[in-house]
């Protein structure tokens, strides 16, 4: 399954947000993989709109597994200050897929 979500990064914090994501802790990356997150990408627009894309067999189960991990608690605590409104640790609004171009067989 493919999932997409959006959040809003504070414009004055975007440079630091990008910097932090260029050095995501190895243990955080390992935790994401271990809990079923695959092909995970974040895209940031110049006004702070953040679009996330992830593949998972069951995103709710993958998110619940991440929420139980100390590394995620620490990461989310550090990331919360970057967002306007909802932070990732509080849930994120999923977007509805309206088109997908499958690979040729």
PDB file of N, CA and C in Angstrom:
ATOM      1  N   UNK A   1       0.834  -1.188   0.000  1.00  0.00           N
ATOM      2  CA  UNK A   1       0.000   0.000   0.000  1.00  0.00           C
ATOM      3  C   UNK A   1       0.880   1.253   0.000  1.00  0.00           C
ATOM      4  N   UNK A   2       0.400   2.262  -0.698  1.00  0.00           N
ATOM      5  CA  UNK A   2       1.067   3.561  -0.761  1.00  0.00           C
ATOM      6  C   UNK A   2       0.273   4.554   0.076  1.00  0.00           C
ATOM      7  N   UNK A   3       0.990   5.398   0.823  1.00  0.00           N
ATOM      8  CA  UNK A   3       0.349   6.409   1.654  1.00  0.00           C
ATOM      9  C   UNK A   3       1.050   7.740   1.430  1.00  0.00           C
ATOM     10  N   UNK A   4       0.266   8.806   1.471  1.00  0.00           N
ATOM     11  CA  UNK A   4       0.811  10.148   1.327  1.00  0.00           C
ATOM     12  C   UNK A   4       0.164  11.032   2.390  1.00  0.00           C
ATOM     13  N   UNK A   5       0.942  11.948   2.945  1.00  0.00           N
ATOM     14  CA  UNK A   5       0.425  12.842   3.979  1.00  0.00           C
ATOM     15  C   UNK A   5       1.054  14.214   3.827  1.00  0.00           C
ATOM     16  N   UNK A   6       0.451  15.193   4.483  1.00  0.00           N
ATOM     17  CA  UNK A   6       1.038  16.530   4.458  1.00  0.00           C
ATOM     18  C   UNK A   6       1.060  17.135   5.849  1.00  0.00           C
ATOM     19  N   UNK A   7       2.064  17.952   6.079  1.00  0.00           N
ATOM     20  CA  UNK A   7       2.239  18.719   7.304  1.00  0.00           C
ATOM     21  C   UNK A   7       2.760  20.096   6.902  1.00  0.00           C
ATOM     22  N   UNK A   8       2.812  21.001   7.858  1.00  0.00           N
ATOM     23  CA  UNK A   8       3.318  22.343   7.582  1.00  0.00           C
ATOM     24  C   UNK A   8       4.509  22.631   8.492  1.00  0.00           C
ATOM     25  N   UNK A   9       5.668  22.846   7.884  1.00  0.00           N
ATOM     26  CA  UNK A   9       6.881  23.205   8.621  1.00  0.00           C
ATOM     27  C   UNK A   9       6.898  24.727   8.780  1.00  0.00           C
ATOM     28  N   UNK A  10       7.275  25.165   9.967  1.00  0.00           N
ATOM     29  CA  UNK A  10       7.390  26.614  10.197  1.00  0.00           C
ATOM     30  C   UNK A  10       8.414  27.189   9.215  1.00  0.00           C
ATOM     31  N   UNK A  11       8.029  28.213   8.450  1.00  0.00           N
ATOM     32  CA  UNK A  11       8.950  28.757   7.445  1.00  0.00           C
ATOM     33  C   UNK A  11      10.304  29.161   8.016  1.00  0.00           C
ATOM     34  N   UNK A  12      10.321  29.721   9.218  1.00  0.00           N
ATOM     35  CA  UNK A  12      11.586  30.158   9.806  1.00  0.00           C
ATOM     36  C   UNK A  12      12.453  28.992  10.291  1.00  0.00           C
ATOM     37  N   UNK A  13      11.912  27.774  10.276  1.00  0.00           N
ATOM     38  CA  UNK A  13      12.662  26.599  10.741  1.00  0.00           C
ATOM     39  C   UNK A  13      13.007  25.620   9.607  1.00  0.00           C
ATOM     40  N   UNK A  14      12.659  25.982   8.367  1.00  0.00           N
ATOM     41  CA  UNK A  14      12.838  25.039   7.261  1.00  0.00           C
ATOM     42  C   UNK A  14      14.291  24.623   7.047  1.00  0.00           C
ATOM     43  N   UNK A  15      15.215  25.558   7.095  1.00  0.00           N
ATOM     44  CA  UNK A  15      16.624  25.213   6.860  1.00  0.00           C
ATOM     45  C   UNK A  15      17.111  24.202   7.896  1.00  0.00           C
ATOM     46  N   UNK A  16      16.761  24.417   9.155  1.00  0.00           N
ATOM     47  CA  UNK A  16      17.177  23.477  10.198  1.00  0.00           C
ATOM     48  C   UNK A  16      16.473  22.134  10.040  1.00  0.00           C
ATOM     49  N   UNK A  17      15.204  22.154   9.627  1.00  0.00           N
ATOM     50  CA  UNK A  17      14.457  20.911   9.391  1.00  0.00           C
ATOM     51  C   UNK A  17      15.166  20.076   8.318  1.00  0.00           C
ATOM     52  N   UNK A  18      15.553  20.729   7.233  1.00  0.00           N
ATOM     53  CA  UNK A  18      16.262  20.030   6.156  1.00  0.00           C
ATOM     54  C   UNK A  18      17.588  19.483   6.678  1.00  0.00           C
ATOM     55  N   UNK A  19      18.309  20.301   7.414  1.00  0.00           N
ATOM     56  CA  UNK A  19      19.596  19.877   7.978  1.00  0.00           C
ATOM     57  C   UNK A  19      19.427  18.643   8.863  1.00  0.00           C
ATOM     58  N   UNK A  20      18.426  18.634   9.718  1.00  0.00           N
ATOM     59  CA  UNK A  20      18.194  17.487  10.602  1.00  0.00           C
ATOM     60  C   UNK A  20      17.880  16.230   9.802  1.00  0.00           C
ATOM     61  N   UNK A  21      17.157  16.391   8.696  1.00  0.00           N
ATOM     62  CA  UNK A  21      16.788  15.219   7.902  1.00  0.00           C
ATOM     63  C   UNK A  21      17.901  14.749   6.978  1.00  0.00           C
ATOM     64  N   UNK A  22      18.951  15.520   6.857  1.00  0.00           N
ATOM     65  CA  UNK A  22      20.129  15.047   6.132  1.00  0.00           C
ATOM     66  C   UNK A  22      20.988  14.176   7.036  1.00  0.00           C
ATOM     67  N   UNK A  23      20.634  14.138   8.314  1.00  0.00           N
ATOM     68  CA  UNK A  23      21.388  13.342   9.285  1.00  0.00           C
ATOM     69  C   UNK A  23      20.442  12.622  10.246  1.00  0.00           C
ATOM     70  N   UNK A  24      19.412  11.973   9.694  1.00  0.00           N
ATOM     71  CA  UNK A  24      18.492  11.207  10.540  1.00  0.00           C
ATOM     72  C   UNK A  24      19.284  10.119  11.245  1.00  0.00           C
ATOM     73  N   UNK A  25      19.057  10.005  12.547  1.00  0.00           N
ATOM     74  CA  UNK A  25      19.795   9.031  13.353  1.00  0.00           C
ATOM     75  C   UNK A  25      19.703   7.639  12.723  1.00  0.00           C
ATOM     76  N   UNK A  26      20.825   6.928  12.653  1.00  0.00           N
ATOM     77  CA  UNK A  26      20.791   5.557  12.115  1.00  0.00           C
ATOM     78  C   UNK A  26      19.796   4.668  12.859  1.00  0.00           C
ATOM     79  N   UNK A  27      19.697   4.816  14.193  1.00  0.00           N
ATOM     80  CA  UNK A  27      18.754   3.973  14.938  1.00  0.00           C
ATOM     81  C   UNK A  27      17.296   4.311  14.608  1.00  0.00           C
ATOM     82  N   UNK A  28      17.034   5.560  14.206  1.00  0.00           N
ATOM     83  CA  UNK A  28      15.688   5.933  13.775  1.00  0.00           C
ATOM     84  C   UNK A  28      15.390   5.296  12.419  1.00  0.00           C
ATOM     85  N   UNK A  29      16.360   5.339  11.521  1.00  0.00           N
ATOM     86  CA  UNK A  29      16.186   4.701  10.222  1.00  0.00           C
ATOM     87  C   UNK A  29      15.968   3.198  10.382  1.00  0.00           C
ATOM     88  N   UNK A  30      16.752   2.569  11.264  1.00  0.00           N
ATOM     89  CA  UNK A  30      16.592   1.135  11.522  1.00  0.00           C
ATOM     90  C   UNK A  30      15.210   0.823  12.079  1.00  0.00           C
ATOM     91  N   UNK A  31      14.721   1.678  12.985  1.00  0.00           N
ATOM     92  CA  UNK A  31      13.402   1.471  13.586  1.00  0.00           C
ATOM     93  C   UNK A  31      12.302   1.575  12.531  1.00  0.00           C
ATOM     94  N   UNK A  32      12.405   2.549  11.654  1.00  0.00           N
ATOM     95  CA  UNK A  32      11.401   2.684  10.586  1.00  0.00           C
ATOM     96  C   UNK A  32      11.370   1.427   9.723  1.00  0.00           C
ATOM     97  N   UNK A  33      12.533   0.964   9.327  1.00  0.00           N
ATOM     98  CA  UNK A  33      12.588  -0.259   8.503  1.00  0.00           C
ATOM     99  C   UNK A  33      12.023  -1.460   9.257  1.00  0.00           C
ATOM    100  N   UNK A  34      12.397  -1.596  10.523  1.00  0.00           N
ATOM    101  CA  UNK A  34      11.974  -2.756  11.322  1.00  0.00           C
ATOM    102  C   UNK A  34      10.471  -2.768  11.562  1.00  0.00           C
ATOM    103  N   UNK A  35       9.834  -1.607  11.532  1.00  0.00           N
ATOM    104  CA  UNK A  35       8.398  -1.544  11.793  1.00  0.00           C
ATOM    105  C   UNK A  35       7.565  -1.487  10.513  1.00  0.00           C
ATOM    106  N   UNK A  36       8.219  -1.712   9.373  1.00  0.00           N
ATOM    107  CA  UNK A  36       7.466  -1.882   8.133  1.00  0.00           C
ATOM    108  C   UNK A  36       7.353  -0.670   7.225  1.00  0.00           C
ATOM    109  N   UNK A  37       8.075   0.410   7.509  1.00  0.00           N
ATOM    110  CA  UNK A  37       8.063   1.571   6.628  1.00  0.00           C
ATOM    111  C   UNK A  37       9.012   1.295   5.465  1.00  0.00           C
ATOM    112  N   UNK A  38       8.535   1.469   4.248  1.00  0.00           N
ATOM    113  CA  UNK A  38       9.363   1.240   3.056  1.00  0.00           C
ATOM    114  C   UNK A  38       9.230   2.430   2.102  1.00  0.00           C
ATOM    115  N   UNK A  39      10.282   2.662   1.354  1.00  0.00           N
ATOM    116  CA  UNK A  39      10.258   3.672   0.298  1.00  0.00           C
ATOM    117  C   UNK A  39       9.709   5.001   0.832  1.00  0.00           C
ATOM    118  N   UNK A  40      10.203   5.410   1.988  1.00  0.00           N
ATOM    119  CA  UNK A  40       9.715   6.597   2.693  1.00  0.00           C
ATOM    120  C   UNK A  40      10.468   7.830   2.208  1.00  0.00           C
ATOM    121  N   UNK A  41       9.725   8.847   1.776  1.00  0.00           N
ATOM    122  CA  UNK A  41      10.319  10.090   1.288  1.00  0.00           C
ATOM    123  C   UNK A  41       9.566  11.278   1.854  1.00  0.00           C
ATOM    124  N   UNK A  42      10.287  12.379   2.043  1.00  0.00           N
ATOM    125  CA  UNK A  42       9.692  13.651   2.439  1.00  0.00           C
ATOM    126  C   UNK A  42      10.072  14.689   1.395  1.00  0.00           C
ATOM    127  N   UNK A  43       9.114  15.533   1.033  1.00  0.00           N
ATOM    128  CA  UNK A  43       9.324  16.594   0.058  1.00  0.00           C
ATOM    129  C   UNK A  43       8.881  17.899   0.698  1.00  0.00           C
ATOM    130  N   UNK A  44       9.689  18.946   0.556  1.00  0.00           N
ATOM    131  CA  UNK A  44       9.409  20.223   1.207  1.00  0.00           C
ATOM    132  C   UNK A  44       9.308  21.335   0.168  1.00  0.00           C
ATOM    133  N   UNK A  45       8.176  22.043   0.192  1.00  0.00           N
ATOM    134  CA  UNK A  45       7.975  23.175  -0.706  1.00  0.00           C
ATOM    135  C   UNK A  45       8.517  24.440  -0.052  1.00  0.00           C
ATOM    136  N   UNK A  46       8.796  25.458  -0.826  1.00  0.00           N
ATOM    137  CA  UNK A  46       9.430  26.677  -0.324  1.00  0.00           C
ATOM    138  C   UNK A  46       8.608  27.427   0.726  1.00  0.00           C
ATOM    139  N   UNK A  47       7.297  27.159   0.806  1.00  0.00           N
ATOM    140  CA  UNK A  47       6.468  27.811   1.827  1.00  0.00           C
ATOM    141  C   UNK A  47       6.291  26.953   3.074  1.00  0.00           C
ATOM    142  N   UNK A  48       6.993  25.823   3.130  1.00  0.00           N
ATOM    143  CA  UNK A  48       6.939  24.961   4.306  1.00  0.00           C
ATOM    144  C   UNK A  48       5.995  23.779   4.195  1.00  0.00           C
ATOM    145  N   UNK A  49       5.264  23.670   3.083  1.00  0.00           N
ATOM    146  CA  UNK A  49       4.391  22.504   2.906  1.00  0.00           C
ATOM    147  C   UNK A  49       5.260  21.263   2.784  1.00  0.00           C
ATOM    148  N   UNK A  50       5.024  20.299   3.656  1.00  0.00           N
ATOM    149  CA  UNK A  50       5.779  19.047   3.658  1.00  0.00           C
ATOM    150  C   UNK A  50       4.858  17.931   3.182  1.00  0.00           C
ATOM    151  N   UNK A  51       5.293  17.206   2.179  1.00  0.00           N
ATOM    152  CA  UNK A  51       4.555  16.056   1.668  1.00  0.00           C
ATOM    153  C   UNK A  51       5.378  14.816   1.974  1.00  0.00           C
ATOM    154  N   UNK A  52       4.747  13.841   2.601  1.00  0.00           N
ATOM    155  CA  UNK A  52       5.408  12.579   2.905  1.00  0.00           C
ATOM    156  C   UNK A  52       4.796  11.456   2.097  1.00  0.00           C
ATOM    157  N   UNK A  53       5.627  10.526   1.678  1.00  0.00           N
ATOM    158  CA  UNK A  53       5.180   9.343   0.943  1.00  0.00           C
ATOM    159  C   UNK A  53       5.832   8.133   1.592  1.00  0.00           C
ATOM    160  N   UNK A  54       5.029   7.105   1.834  1.00  0.00           N
ATOM    161  CA  UNK A  54       5.562   5.879   2.426  1.00  0.00           C
ATOM    162  C   UNK A  54       4.759   4.688   1.921  1.00  0.00           C
ATOM    163  N   UNK A  55       5.407   3.564   1.850  1.00  0.00           N
ATOM    164  CA  UNK A  55       4.738   2.308   1.539  1.00  0.00           C
ATOM    165  C   UNK A  55       4.819   1.425   2.765  1.00  0.00           C
ATOM    166  N   UNK A  56       3.727   0.744   3.057  1.00  0.00           N
ATOM    167  CA  UNK A  56       3.673  -0.162   4.214  1.00  0.00           C
ATOM    168  C   UNK A  56       2.541  -1.150   3.988  1.00  0.00           C
ATOM    169  N   UNK A  57       2.680  -2.341   4.550  1.00  0.00           N
ATOM    170  CA  UNK A  57       1.591  -3.309   4.457  1.00  0.00           C
ATOM    171  C   UNK A  57       0.384  -2.839   5.253  1.00  0.00           C
ATOM    172  N   UNK A  58       0.645  -2.250   6.411  1.00  0.00           N
ATOM    173  CA  UNK A  58      -0.421  -1.742   7.290  1.00  0.00           C
ATOM    174  C   UNK A  58       0.141  -0.532   8.029  1.00  0.00           C
ATOM    175  N   UNK A  59      -0.148   0.664   7.526  1.00  0.00           N
ATOM    176  CA  UNK A  59       0.447   1.861   8.102  1.00  0.00           C
ATOM    177  C   UNK A  59       0.044   2.051   9.557  1.00  0.00           C
ATOM    178  N   UNK A  60      -1.183   1.736   9.898  1.00  0.00           N
ATOM    179  CA  UNK A  60      -1.619   1.890  11.299  1.00  0.00           C
ATOM    180  C   UNK A  60      -0.771   1.006  12.214  1.00  0.00           C
ATOM    181  N   UNK A  61      -0.515  -0.219  11.808  1.00  0.00           N
ATOM    182  CA  UNK A  61       0.309  -1.127  12.612  1.00  0.00           C
ATOM    183  C   UNK A  61       1.759  -0.630  12.660  1.00  0.00           C
ATOM    184  N   UNK A  62       2.267  -0.147  11.536  1.00  0.00           N
ATOM    185  CA  UNK A  62       3.639   0.369  11.495  1.00  0.00           C
ATOM    186  C   UNK A  62       3.777   1.602  12.386  1.00  0.00           C
ATOM    187  N   UNK A  63       2.789   2.483  12.365  1.00  0.00           N
ATOM    188  CA  UNK A  63       2.828   3.671  13.216  1.00  0.00           C
ATOM    189  C   UNK A  63       2.740   3.279  14.685  1.00  0.00           C
ATOM    190  N   UNK A  64       1.872   2.331  15.013  1.00  0.00           N
ATOM    191  CA  UNK A  64       1.735   1.891  16.408  1.00  0.00           C
ATOM    192  C   UNK A  64       3.045   1.278  16.902  1.00  0.00           C
ATOM    193  N   UNK A  65       3.701   0.494  16.052  1.00  0.00           N
ATOM    194  CA  UNK A  65       4.976  -0.111  16.441  1.00  0.00           C
ATOM    195  C   UNK A  65       6.033   0.966  16.669  1.00  0.00           C
ATOM    196  N   UNK A  66       6.048   1.989  15.831  1.00  0.00           N
ATOM    197  CA  UNK A  66       7.005   3.086  16.014  1.00  0.00           C
ATOM    198  C   UNK A  66       6.718   3.843  17.302  1.00  0.00           C
ATOM    199  N   UNK A  67       5.456   4.093  17.586  1.00  0.00           N
ATOM    200  CA  UNK A  67       5.084   4.858  18.778  1.00  0.00           C
ATOM    201  C   UNK A  67       5.521   4.178  20.071  1.00  0.00           C
ATOM    202  N   UNK A  68       5.747   2.886  20.013  1.00  0.00           N
ATOM    203  CA  UNK A  68       6.162   2.139  21.199  1.00  0.00           C
ATOM    204  C   UNK A  68       7.681   2.196  21.430  1.00  0.00           C
ATOM    205  N   UNK A  69       8.412   2.773  20.499  1.00  0.00           N
ATOM    206  CA  UNK A  69       9.875   2.769  20.587  1.00  0.00           C
ATOM    207  C   UNK A  69      10.421   4.072  21.168  1.00  0.00           C
ATOM    208  N   UNK A  70      11.390   3.939  22.052  1.00  0.00           N
ATOM    209  CA  UNK A  70      12.024   5.095  22.676  1.00  0.00           C
ATOM    210  C   UNK A  70      12.682   6.015  21.653  1.00  0.00           C
ATOM    211  N   UNK A  71      13.323   5.451  20.643  1.00  0.00           N
ATOM    212  CA  UNK A  71      13.994   6.287  19.651  1.00  0.00           C
ATOM    213  C   UNK A  71      12.984   7.191  18.952  1.00  0.00           C
ATOM    214  N   UNK A  72      11.795   6.696  18.691  1.00  0.00           N
ATOM    215  CA  UNK A  72      10.761   7.503  18.057  1.00  0.00           C
ATOM    216  C   UNK A  72      10.265   8.593  19.002  1.00  0.00           C
ATOM    217  N   UNK A  73      10.107   8.271  20.267  1.00  0.00           N
ATOM    218  CA  UNK A  73       9.678   9.264  21.256  1.00  0.00           C
ATOM    219  C   UNK A  73      10.670  10.420  21.295  1.00  0.00           C
ATOM    220  N   UNK A  74      11.952  10.097  21.314  1.00  0.00           N
ATOM    221  CA  UNK A  74      12.991  11.135  21.335  1.00  0.00           C
ATOM    222  C   UNK A  74      12.992  11.957  20.049  1.00  0.00           C
ATOM    223  N   UNK A  75      12.886  11.278  18.900  1.00  0.00           N
ATOM    224  CA  UNK A  75      12.895  11.978  17.616  1.00  0.00           C
ATOM    225  C   UNK A  75      11.684  12.908  17.509  1.00  0.00           C
ATOM    226  N   UNK A  76      10.505  12.400  17.843  1.00  0.00           N
ATOM    227  CA  UNK A  76       9.290  13.216  17.726  1.00  0.00           C
ATOM    228  C   UNK A  76       9.343  14.426  18.660  1.00  0.00           C
ATOM    229  N   UNK A  77       9.913  14.256  19.839  1.00  0.00           N
ATOM    230  CA  UNK A  77      10.032  15.379  20.774  1.00  0.00           C
ATOM    231  C   UNK A  77      10.904  16.481  20.168  1.00  0.00           C
ATOM    232  N   UNK A  78      11.954  16.082  19.478  1.00  0.00           N
ATOM    233  CA  UNK A  78      12.826  17.074  18.847  1.00  0.00           C
ATOM    234  C   UNK A  78      12.196  17.697  17.611  1.00  0.00           C
ATOM    235  N   UNK A  79      11.369  16.960  16.899  1.00  0.00           N
ATOM    236  CA  UNK A  79      10.777  17.447  15.652  1.00  0.00           C
ATOM    237  C   UNK A  79       9.511  18.277  15.873  1.00  0.00           C
ATOM    238  N   UNK A  80       8.818  18.098  16.974  1.00  0.00           N
ATOM    239  CA  UNK A  80       7.520  18.752  17.196  1.00  0.00           C
ATOM    240  C   UNK A  80       7.586  20.264  17.032  1.00  0.00           C
ATOM    241  N   UNK A  81       8.672  20.881  17.456  1.00  0.00           N
ATOM    242  CA  UNK A  81       8.783  22.340  17.415  1.00  0.00           C
ATOM    243  C   UNK A  81       8.888  22.900  15.992  1.00  0.00           C
ATOM    244  N   UNK A  82       9.105  22.041  15.005  1.00  0.00           N
ATOM    245  CA  UNK A  82       9.249  22.492  13.622  1.00  0.00           C
ATOM    246  C   UNK A  82       7.919  22.689  12.906  1.00  0.00           C
ATOM    247  N   UNK A  83       6.826  22.203  13.479  1.00  0.00           N
ATOM    248  CA  UNK A  83       5.557  22.160  12.758  1.00  0.00           C
ATOM    249  C   UNK A  83       4.527  23.171  13.249  1.00  0.00           C
ATOM    250  N   UNK A  84       3.721  23.612  12.308  1.00  0.00           N
ATOM    251  CA  UNK A  84       2.553  24.431  12.593  1.00  0.00           C
ATOM    252  C   UNK A  84       1.377  23.455  12.664  1.00  0.00           C
ATOM    253  N   UNK A  85       0.574  23.551  13.715  1.00  0.00           N
ATOM    254  CA  UNK A  85      -0.567  22.638  13.823  1.00  0.00           C
ATOM    255  C   UNK A  85      -0.126  21.264  14.274  1.00  0.00           C
ATOM    256  N   UNK A  86      -0.570  20.246  13.578  1.00  0.00           N
ATOM    257  CA  UNK A  86      -0.307  18.857  13.949  1.00  0.00           C
ATOM    258  C   UNK A  86       1.136  18.469  13.683  1.00  0.00           C
ATOM    259  N   UNK A  87       1.764  17.875  14.671  1.00  0.00           N
ATOM    260  CA  UNK A  87       3.107  17.317  14.506  1.00  0.00           C
ATOM    261  C   UNK A  87       2.976  15.832  14.186  1.00  0.00           C
ATOM    262  N   UNK A  88       3.978  15.223  13.536  1.00  0.00           N
ATOM    263  CA  UNK A  88       3.879  13.810  13.156  1.00  0.00           C
ATOM    264  C   UNK A  88       3.544  12.873  14.310  1.00  0.00           C
ATOM    265  N   UNK A  89       4.075  13.124  15.489  1.00  0.00           N
ATOM    266  CA  UNK A  89       3.792  12.260  16.633  1.00  0.00           C
ATOM    267  C   UNK A  89       2.336  12.304  17.072  1.00  0.00           C
ATOM    268  N   UNK A  90       1.607  13.317  16.623  1.00  0.00           N
ATOM    269  CA  UNK A  90       0.190  13.449  16.962  1.00  0.00           C
ATOM    270  C   UNK A  90      -0.694  12.879  15.863  1.00  0.00           C
ATOM    271  N   UNK A  91      -0.100  12.304  14.867  1.00  0.00           N
ATOM    272  CA  UNK A  91      -0.843  11.807  13.717  1.00  0.00           C
ATOM    273  C   UNK A  91      -0.657  12.756  12.554  1.00  0.00           C
ATOM    274  N   UNK A  92      -0.869  12.264  11.371  1.00  0.00           N
ATOM    275  CA  UNK A  92      -0.769  13.144  10.213  1.00  0.00           C
ATOM    276  C   UNK A  92      -1.902  12.819   9.254  1.00  0.00           C
ATOM    277  N   UNK A  93      -2.415  13.861   8.597  1.00  0.00           N
ATOM    278  CA  UNK A  93      -3.545  13.665   7.695  1.00  0.00           C
ATOM    279  C   UNK A  93      -3.126  12.964   6.404  1.00  0.00           C
ATOM    280  N   UNK A  94      -3.741  11.836   6.147  1.00  0.00           N
ATOM    281  CA  UNK A  94      -3.448  11.100   4.924  1.00  0.00           C
ATOM    282  C   UNK A  94      -4.214  11.715   3.762  1.00  0.00           C
ATOM    283  N   UNK A  95      -3.581  11.734   2.610  1.00  0.00           N
ATOM    284  CA  UNK A  95      -4.220  12.210   1.392  1.00  0.00           C
ATOM    285  C   UNK A  95      -4.821  11.026   0.649  1.00  0.00           C
ATOM    286  N   UNK A  96      -5.854  11.284  -0.106  1.00  0.00           N
ATOM    287  CA  UNK A  96      -6.519  10.249  -0.884  1.00  0.00           C
ATOM    288  C   UNK A  96      -5.857  10.120  -2.247  1.00  0.00           C
ATOM    289  N   UNK A  97      -5.442   8.921  -2.601  1.00  0.00           N
ATOM    290  CA  UNK A  97      -4.844   8.703  -3.911  1.00  0.00           C
ATOM    291  C   UNK A  97      -5.944   8.717  -4.962  1.00  0.00           C
ATOM    292  N   UNK A  98      -5.751   9.527  -6.000  1.00  0.00           N
ATOM    293  CA  UNK A  98      -6.746   9.605  -7.068  1.00  0.00           C
ATOM    294  C   UNK A  98      -6.227   9.063  -8.394  1.00  0.00           C
ATOM    295  N   UNK A  99      -4.906   8.847  -8.490  1.00  0.00           N
ATOM    296  CA  UNK A  99      -4.339   8.263  -9.698  1.00  0.00           C
ATOM    297  C   UNK A  99      -3.000   7.636  -9.368  1.00  0.00           C
ATOM    298  N   UNK A 100      -2.727   6.536 -10.018  1.00  0.00           N
ATOM    299  CA  UNK A 100      -1.428   5.863  -9.912  1.00  0.00           C
ATOM    300  C   UNK A 100      -1.124   5.230 -11.253  1.00  0.00           C
ATOM    301  N   UNK A 101       0.053   5.501 -11.792  1.00  0.00           N
ATOM    302  CA  UNK A 101       0.506   4.896 -13.038  1.00  0.00           C
ATOM    303  C   UNK A 101       1.293   3.644 -12.704  1.00  0.00           C
ATOM    304  N   UNK A 102       0.706   2.473 -12.916  1.00  0.00           N
ATOM    305  CA  UNK A 102       1.442   1.251 -12.595  1.00  0.00           C
ATOM    306  C   UNK A 102       2.583   1.032 -13.575  1.00  0.00           C
ATOM    307  N   UNK A 103       3.586   0.293 -13.111  1.00  0.00           N
ATOM    308  CA  UNK A 103       4.694  -0.051 -13.985  1.00  0.00           C
ATOM    309  C   UNK A 103       4.197  -1.015 -15.038  1.00  0.00           C
ATOM    310  N   UNK A 104       4.801  -0.935 -16.221  1.00  0.00           N
ATOM    311  CA  UNK A 104       4.436  -1.882 -17.288  1.00  0.00           C
ATOM    312  C   UNK A 104       4.874  -3.268 -16.903  1.00  0.00           C
ATOM    313  N   UNK A 105       4.125  -4.224 -17.343  1.00  0.00           N
ATOM    314  CA  UNK A 105       4.471  -5.613 -17.040  1.00  0.00           C
ATOM    315  C   UNK A 105       5.257  -6.216 -18.156  1.00  0.00           C
TER     316      UNK A 105
END
